[in-house]
């Protein structure tokens, strides 16, 4: 699954920490949304990561697959 926008994207300096708890760029943000999403996705055997595009950012979620499946992952920042 992909969720994207057409905004400014994720600043390069923030890309490696966006899935860390309490990291936020919003004045009233808690910094818990992406870490909670990561915990839920990974607890079900999936993967979540983010990439910047020419316009905006995209968050990608890969659901768990049956044993033996080998998915190709992007060069984007993964939560792990």
C-alpha atoms as a PDB file:
ATOM      1  CA  UNK A   1       0.000   0.000   0.000  1.00  0.00           C
ATOM      2  CA  UNK A   2       1.199   3.524  -0.740  1.00  0.00           C
ATOM      3  CA  UNK A   3       0.141   6.777   0.855  1.00  0.00           C
ATOM      4  CA  UNK A   4       1.544   9.881  -0.778  1.00  0.00           C
ATOM      5  CA  UNK A   5       1.184  13.627  -0.889  1.00  0.00           C
ATOM      6  CA  UNK A   6       2.397  16.419  -3.123  1.00  0.00           C
ATOM      7  CA  UNK A   7       3.920  18.650  -0.460  1.00  0.00           C
ATOM      8  CA  UNK A   8       7.570  19.507   0.239  1.00  0.00           C
ATOM      9  CA  UNK A   9       8.571  15.974   1.170  1.00  0.00           C
ATOM     10  CA  UNK A  10      10.509  14.870   4.228  1.00  0.00           C
ATOM     11  CA  UNK A  11      13.655  16.893   4.941  1.00  0.00           C
ATOM     12  CA  UNK A  12      16.734  14.784   4.262  1.00  0.00           C
ATOM     13  CA  UNK A  13      18.053  15.411   7.791  1.00  0.00           C
ATOM     14  CA  UNK A  14      14.833  13.997   9.281  1.00  0.00           C
ATOM     15  CA  UNK A  15      14.502  10.919   7.059  1.00  0.00           C
ATOM     16  CA  UNK A  16      16.521   8.599   9.306  1.00  0.00           C
ATOM     17  CA  UNK A  17      14.563   9.447  12.459  1.00  0.00           C
ATOM     18  CA  UNK A  18      10.925   9.718  11.344  1.00  0.00           C
ATOM     19  CA  UNK A  19      10.045   6.311  12.802  1.00  0.00           C
ATOM     20  CA  UNK A  20      11.673   7.105  16.174  1.00  0.00           C
ATOM     21  CA  UNK A  21       9.377   7.826  19.120  1.00  0.00           C
ATOM     22  CA  UNK A  22       8.773  11.481  19.992  1.00  0.00           C
ATOM     23  CA  UNK A  23      10.293  12.826  16.762  1.00  0.00           C
ATOM     24  CA  UNK A  24       8.010  15.469  15.284  1.00  0.00           C
ATOM     25  CA  UNK A  25       8.169  18.591  13.164  1.00  0.00           C
ATOM     26  CA  UNK A  26       4.728  19.782  14.245  1.00  0.00           C
ATOM     27  CA  UNK A  27       4.381  22.348  17.042  1.00  0.00           C
ATOM     28  CA  UNK A  28       1.760  20.254  18.845  1.00  0.00           C
ATOM     29  CA  UNK A  29       2.766  16.820  17.567  1.00  0.00           C
ATOM     30  CA  UNK A  30       3.538  13.918  19.872  1.00  0.00           C
ATOM     31  CA  UNK A  31       5.838  12.038  17.517  1.00  0.00           C
ATOM     32  CA  UNK A  32       4.021   8.775  18.164  1.00  0.00           C
ATOM     33  CA  UNK A  33       2.047   8.178  14.950  1.00  0.00           C
ATOM     34  CA  UNK A  34       4.780   6.620  12.804  1.00  0.00           C
ATOM     35  CA  UNK A  35       6.358   4.580  15.633  1.00  0.00           C
ATOM     36  CA  UNK A  36       2.923   3.132  16.457  1.00  0.00           C
ATOM     37  CA  UNK A  37       2.288   2.374  12.779  1.00  0.00           C
ATOM     38  CA  UNK A  38       5.702   0.664  12.574  1.00  0.00           C
ATOM     39  CA  UNK A  39       4.972  -1.445  15.664  1.00  0.00           C
ATOM     40  CA  UNK A  40       1.616  -2.598  14.295  1.00  0.00           C
ATOM     41  CA  UNK A  41       2.943  -3.367  10.809  1.00  0.00           C
ATOM     42  CA  UNK A  42       6.039  -5.223  12.058  1.00  0.00           C
ATOM     43  CA  UNK A  43       4.057  -7.200  14.656  1.00  0.00           C
ATOM     44  CA  UNK A  44       2.154  -8.673  11.709  1.00  0.00           C
ATOM     45  CA  UNK A  45       5.325  -9.479   9.786  1.00  0.00           C
ATOM     46  CA  UNK A  46       5.158  -6.492   7.446  1.00  0.00           C
ATOM     47  CA  UNK A  47       7.468  -3.601   6.664  1.00  0.00           C
ATOM     48  CA  UNK A  48       6.961   0.156   6.406  1.00  0.00           C
ATOM     49  CA  UNK A  49       9.228   2.803   4.939  1.00  0.00           C
ATOM     50  CA  UNK A  50       9.222   6.286   3.449  1.00  0.00           C
ATOM     51  CA  UNK A  51      10.630   7.849   0.296  1.00  0.00           C
ATOM     52  CA  UNK A  52      10.748  11.325  -1.135  1.00  0.00           C
ATOM     53  CA  UNK A  53       9.496  11.828  -4.676  1.00  0.00           C
ATOM     54  CA  UNK A  54       9.922  14.751  -7.045  1.00  0.00           C
ATOM     55  CA  UNK A  55       6.846  16.268  -5.427  1.00  0.00           C
ATOM     56  CA  UNK A  56       6.076  15.144  -1.898  1.00  0.00           C
ATOM     57  CA  UNK A  57       6.679  11.981   0.046  1.00  0.00           C
ATOM     58  CA  UNK A  58       5.270   8.489  -0.025  1.00  0.00           C
ATOM     59  CA  UNK A  59       4.920   5.977   2.791  1.00  0.00           C
ATOM     60  CA  UNK A  60       4.932   2.368   1.682  1.00  0.00           C
ATOM     61  CA  UNK A  61       3.560  -0.572   3.597  1.00  0.00           C
ATOM     62  CA  UNK A  62       4.396  -4.108   2.599  1.00  0.00           C
ATOM     63  CA  UNK A  63       2.181  -6.768   4.128  1.00  0.00           C
ATOM     64  CA  UNK A  64       3.569 -10.100   5.231  1.00  0.00           C
ATOM     65  CA  UNK A  65       3.670 -12.819   2.595  1.00  0.00           C
ATOM     66  CA  UNK A  66       3.888 -16.582   2.757  1.00  0.00           C
ATOM     67  CA  UNK A  67       7.183 -18.289   3.564  1.00  0.00           C
ATOM     68  CA  UNK A  68       9.680 -18.252   0.746  1.00  0.00           C
ATOM     69  CA  UNK A  69       8.438 -15.053  -0.863  1.00  0.00           C
ATOM     70  CA  UNK A  70      11.201 -12.567  -1.569  1.00  0.00           C
ATOM     71  CA  UNK A  71      10.003  -9.052  -2.188  1.00  0.00           C
ATOM     72  CA  UNK A  72      12.024  -6.310  -3.778  1.00  0.00           C
ATOM     73  CA  UNK A  73      12.226  -3.275  -1.569  1.00  0.00           C
ATOM     74  CA  UNK A  74      12.931   0.279  -2.577  1.00  0.00           C
ATOM     75  CA  UNK A  75      15.933   2.368  -1.591  1.00  0.00           C
ATOM     76  CA  UNK A  76      13.740   4.428   0.743  1.00  0.00           C
ATOM     77  CA  UNK A  77      14.275   4.625   4.506  1.00  0.00           C
ATOM     78  CA  UNK A  78      12.873   1.582   6.291  1.00  0.00           C
ATOM     79  CA  UNK A  79      11.713   1.641   9.883  1.00  0.00           C
ATOM     80  CA  UNK A  80      14.186  -1.078  10.897  1.00  0.00           C
END
